């Protein structure tokens, strides 16, 4: 609990009649717009940097506590396999940068959705990825390595999960004899596959025409 705030430090009560300081570089690391929301009596997460500095003070960090919670959230997302919504904030030569809470994750080109890969043009990273910056993205965590500060995400896996959920819903809602509109997703010699909004159905050639022997 914030006990007091001055121009260069924050005094925080951490229970058991103990108080610690957010001071120096740990104080300066707090974004100004966030610092403005701090007030006496507000509860904030803190990370113990050192129980006793050279002056015997308990030194705390707000930024490191938030980052630690982000890694915990990332590990939970990896364990659950659940996807999350975020925004593309940047790119490098290998793929896109996407934040998960306060840490940045990386989506390699091989883990981008098919539609995004088809939309890429050019050979340079800027030509391939710049247009995606600011786009919303759904991703899931596929690798977490705290020691290497490595968080790998996959848009492709998240889209596969989304399509599975959508397919299950469509199949549950379908009723024999009803009429629905769909989009042709592929054409074969024996018929066409039609996307009904998450589930593909086959319209056999014999169901497409009354002409005997007619081919697509």
Protein backbone atom coordinates (compact mmCIF):
# COMPACT_ATOMS: atom_id res chain seq x y z
CA UNK A 1 0.00 0.00 0.00
CA UNK A 2 1.43 3.41 -0.96
CA UNK A 3 2.27 5.24 2.28
CA UNK A 4 3.75 8.40 0.78
CA UNK A 5 4.95 9.86 -2.51
CA UNK A 6 7.64 12.48 -3.04
CA UNK A 7 9.36 13.85 -6.12
CA UNK A 8 11.95 11.06 -6.18
CA UNK A 9 10.65 8.11 -4.19
CA UNK A 10 7.58 6.15 -3.11
CA UNK A 11 7.24 4.70 0.37
CA UNK A 12 5.28 1.43 0.29
CA UNK A 13 3.87 -0.54 3.21
CA UNK A 14 4.32 -4.27 2.54
CA UNK A 15 2.71 -5.58 5.73
CA UNK A 16 4.03 -6.68 9.13
CA UNK A 17 4.81 -3.04 9.92
CA UNK A 18 7.46 -3.08 7.20
CA UNK A 19 7.98 -0.31 4.65
CA UNK A 20 10.11 -0.28 1.54
CA UNK A 21 11.24 2.28 -1.00
CA UNK A 22 10.82 2.59 -4.75
CA UNK A 23 13.70 4.92 -5.46
CA UNK A 24 16.44 5.73 -7.97
CA UNK A 25 16.26 3.90 -11.31
CA UNK A 26 13.26 1.88 -10.09
CA UNK A 27 11.34 5.12 -9.53
CA UNK A 28 12.49 6.59 -12.85
CA UNK A 29 11.39 3.44 -14.72
CA UNK A 30 7.71 4.05 -13.89
CA UNK A 31 6.00 5.71 -16.90
CA UNK A 32 4.98 9.28 -16.09
CA UNK A 33 1.35 8.77 -17.11
CA UNK A 34 1.13 5.78 -14.75
CA UNK A 35 2.90 7.56 -11.92
CA UNK A 36 0.23 10.26 -12.06
CA UNK A 37 -2.39 7.68 -11.08
CA UNK A 38 -0.52 6.73 -7.88
CA UNK A 39 -1.89 8.10 -4.61
CA UNK A 40 -1.55 7.39 -0.90
CA UNK A 41 -3.58 4.33 0.07
CA UNK A 42 -3.49 2.72 -3.38
CA UNK A 43 -2.45 -0.93 -3.56
CA UNK A 44 0.31 -1.70 -6.09
CA UNK A 45 2.37 -4.83 -6.83
CA UNK A 46 6.04 -4.63 -5.82
CA UNK A 47 9.11 -6.80 -6.42
CA UNK A 48 11.77 -7.07 -3.71
CA UNK A 49 15.03 -5.90 -5.28
CA UNK A 50 17.01 -6.20 -2.05
CA UNK A 51 15.89 -6.66 1.58
CA UNK A 52 18.70 -4.39 2.82
CA UNK A 53 20.69 -1.84 0.82
CA UNK A 54 23.83 -0.12 2.18
CA UNK A 55 21.60 2.06 4.35
CA UNK A 56 19.49 -0.84 5.56
CA UNK A 57 16.46 0.06 3.42
CA UNK A 58 14.11 -2.43 1.77
CA UNK A 59 14.30 -1.59 -1.94
CA UNK A 60 11.29 -2.37 -4.13
CA UNK A 61 10.38 -2.18 -7.82
CA UNK A 62 6.96 -1.62 -9.32
CA UNK A 63 8.02 -2.13 -12.95
CA UNK A 64 9.74 -5.44 -12.24
CA UNK A 65 6.69 -6.65 -10.31
CA UNK A 66 4.44 -5.92 -13.29
CA UNK A 67 6.89 -7.64 -15.64
CA UNK A 68 7.06 -10.67 -13.35
CA UNK A 69 3.26 -10.90 -13.39
CA UNK A 70 3.35 -10.71 -17.20
CA UNK A 71 5.66 -13.74 -17.33
CA UNK A 72 3.33 -15.58 -14.94
CA UNK A 73 0.42 -14.73 -17.26
CA UNK A 74 2.45 -15.96 -20.27
CA UNK A 75 3.21 -19.28 -18.58
CA UNK A 76 -0.48 -19.67 -17.66
CA UNK A 77 -1.46 -18.96 -21.29
CA UNK A 78 1.05 -21.56 -22.49
CA UNK A 79 -0.33 -24.16 -20.08
CA UNK A 80 -3.97 -23.48 -20.98
CA UNK A 81 -3.45 -23.10 -24.73
CA UNK A 82 -5.94 -20.24 -24.74
CA UNK A 83 -5.54 -17.42 -27.26
CA UNK A 84 -5.54 -13.70 -26.47
CA UNK A 85 -6.21 -10.45 -28.33
CA UNK A 86 -3.45 -7.93 -28.90
CA UNK A 87 -2.05 -5.50 -31.47
CA UNK A 88 1.00 -5.66 -33.75
CA UNK A 89 3.44 -3.04 -32.43
CA UNK A 90 6.49 -3.72 -34.59
CA UNK A 91 8.49 -6.18 -36.63
CA UNK A 92 11.99 -7.48 -37.33
CA UNK A 93 13.51 -9.50 -40.14
CA UNK A 94 11.80 -12.70 -38.99
CA UNK A 95 8.26 -11.72 -38.06
CA UNK A 96 5.97 -9.54 -35.97
CA UNK A 97 6.25 -8.13 -32.44
CA UNK A 98 3.12 -8.42 -30.31
CA UNK A 99 2.79 -7.51 -26.61
CA UNK A 100 1.34 -9.75 -23.94
CA UNK A 101 0.66 -7.43 -21.03
CA UNK A 102 3.99 -5.60 -20.51
CA UNK A 103 6.33 -7.99 -22.36
CA UNK A 104 6.79 -8.32 -26.10
CA UNK A 105 6.21 -11.59 -27.84
CA UNK A 106 7.44 -12.63 -31.27
CA UNK A 107 5.38 -14.27 -34.02
CA UNK A 108 7.77 -15.89 -36.55
CA UNK A 109 6.73 -15.70 -40.19
CA UNK A 110 6.03 -19.45 -40.14
CA UNK A 111 3.47 -18.91 -37.34
CA UNK A 112 1.50 -16.15 -39.08
CA UNK A 113 -1.99 -16.93 -40.37
CA UNK A 114 -2.35 -17.98 -43.99
CA UNK A 115 -4.25 -14.83 -44.88
CA UNK A 116 -1.48 -12.63 -43.45
CA UNK A 117 1.24 -14.60 -45.25
CA UNK A 118 -0.65 -14.26 -48.53
CA UNK A 119 -0.89 -10.50 -47.96
CA UNK A 120 2.90 -10.10 -47.60
CA UNK A 121 4.69 -8.46 -50.52
CA UNK A 122 8.33 -7.72 -51.30
CA UNK A 123 11.51 -9.20 -49.90
CA UNK A 124 12.63 -6.76 -47.21
CA UNK A 125 11.19 -6.90 -43.66
CA UNK A 126 9.72 -3.42 -44.15
CA UNK A 127 7.95 -4.47 -47.36
CA UNK A 128 6.67 -7.67 -45.76
CA UNK A 129 5.56 -6.51 -42.33
CA UNK A 130 5.25 -2.72 -42.04
CA UNK A 131 1.63 -2.64 -43.22
CA UNK A 132 0.63 -4.96 -40.35
CA UNK A 133 1.75 -2.57 -37.59
CA UNK A 134 -1.32 -1.42 -35.68
CA UNK A 135 -3.43 -4.37 -36.82
CA UNK A 136 -5.38 -6.38 -34.22
CA UNK A 137 -4.11 -9.93 -33.85
CA UNK A 138 -5.24 -13.10 -32.10
CA UNK A 139 -2.38 -15.29 -30.91
CA UNK A 140 -1.50 -18.03 -28.46
CA UNK A 141 1.70 -18.72 -26.55
CA UNK A 142 3.84 -21.61 -27.83
CA UNK A 143 7.13 -21.02 -25.97
CA UNK A 144 8.21 -19.21 -22.79
CA UNK A 145 11.86 -18.84 -21.73
CA UNK A 146 12.31 -16.30 -18.95
CA UNK A 147 16.09 -16.63 -18.76
CA UNK A 148 16.49 -15.72 -22.43
CA UNK A 149 13.61 -13.23 -22.24
CA UNK A 150 11.97 -15.20 -25.03
CA UNK A 151 8.23 -15.31 -25.67
CA UNK A 152 7.13 -17.02 -28.89
CA UNK A 153 3.55 -16.67 -30.14
CA UNK A 154 1.52 -18.23 -32.93
CA UNK A 155 -1.28 -16.62 -34.89
CA UNK A 156 -1.68 -19.75 -37.00
CA UNK A 157 -2.41 -21.96 -33.98
CA UNK A 158 -4.87 -19.41 -32.59
CA UNK A 159 -6.73 -19.29 -35.90
CA UNK A 160 -6.87 -23.10 -35.99
CA UNK A 161 -8.41 -23.11 -32.52
CA UNK A 162 -10.86 -20.38 -33.55
CA UNK A 163 -11.94 -22.37 -36.61
CA UNK A 164 -12.41 -25.49 -34.48
CA UNK A 165 -14.70 -23.62 -32.08
CA UNK A 166 -16.58 -22.05 -34.99
CA UNK A 167 -16.90 -25.43 -36.71
CA UNK A 168 -18.30 -27.07 -33.59
CA UNK A 169 -20.86 -24.29 -33.23
CA UNK A 170 -21.93 -24.49 -36.88
CA UNK A 171 -22.31 -28.27 -36.70
CA UNK A 172 -24.34 -28.02 -33.51
CA UNK A 173 -26.69 -25.48 -35.12
CA UNK A 174 -27.23 -27.27 -38.44
CA UNK A 175 -30.59 -28.91 -39.05
CA UNK A 176 -31.43 -31.34 -41.80
CA UNK A 177 -33.49 -29.76 -44.56
CA UNK A 178 -32.65 -26.10 -43.78
CA UNK A 179 -31.27 -23.75 -46.43
CA UNK A 180 -28.06 -21.80 -45.81
CA UNK A 181 -25.76 -19.59 -47.85
CA UNK A 182 -22.07 -20.48 -48.05
CA UNK A 183 -18.91 -19.52 -49.87
CA UNK A 184 -17.18 -21.94 -52.23
CA UNK A 185 -13.80 -22.75 -50.66
CA UNK A 186 -12.48 -25.27 -53.22
CA UNK A 187 -13.53 -27.12 -56.38
CA UNK A 188 -12.75 -30.77 -57.18
CA UNK A 189 -13.69 -33.23 -59.95
CA UNK A 190 -16.33 -34.76 -57.71
CA UNK A 191 -17.93 -31.59 -56.34
CA UNK A 192 -17.34 -28.35 -54.46
CA UNK A 193 -16.55 -27.63 -50.84
CA UNK A 194 -18.59 -24.83 -49.30
CA UNK A 195 -17.64 -22.87 -46.17
CA UNK A 196 -20.70 -22.36 -43.98
CA UNK A 197 -18.94 -19.98 -41.63
CA UNK A 198 -16.40 -22.27 -40.00
CA UNK A 199 -17.33 -25.71 -41.29
CA UNK A 200 -16.76 -26.95 -44.83
CA UNK A 201 -19.42 -29.12 -46.42
CA UNK A 202 -19.25 -31.07 -49.67
CA UNK A 203 -21.81 -30.48 -52.39
CA UNK A 204 -21.33 -33.58 -54.53
CA UNK A 205 -21.42 -33.21 -58.30
CA UNK A 206 -24.71 -35.11 -58.42
CA UNK A 207 -26.21 -32.42 -56.17
CA UNK A 208 -24.98 -29.53 -58.36
CA UNK A 209 -26.64 -30.33 -61.68
CA UNK A 210 -29.33 -32.50 -63.27
CA UNK A 211 -27.10 -33.12 -66.29
CA UNK A 212 -25.66 -36.62 -66.20
CA UNK A 213 -21.86 -36.84 -66.51
CA UNK A 214 -21.39 -33.08 -66.10
CA UNK A 215 -17.94 -32.15 -64.68
CA UNK A 216 -16.78 -29.06 -62.86
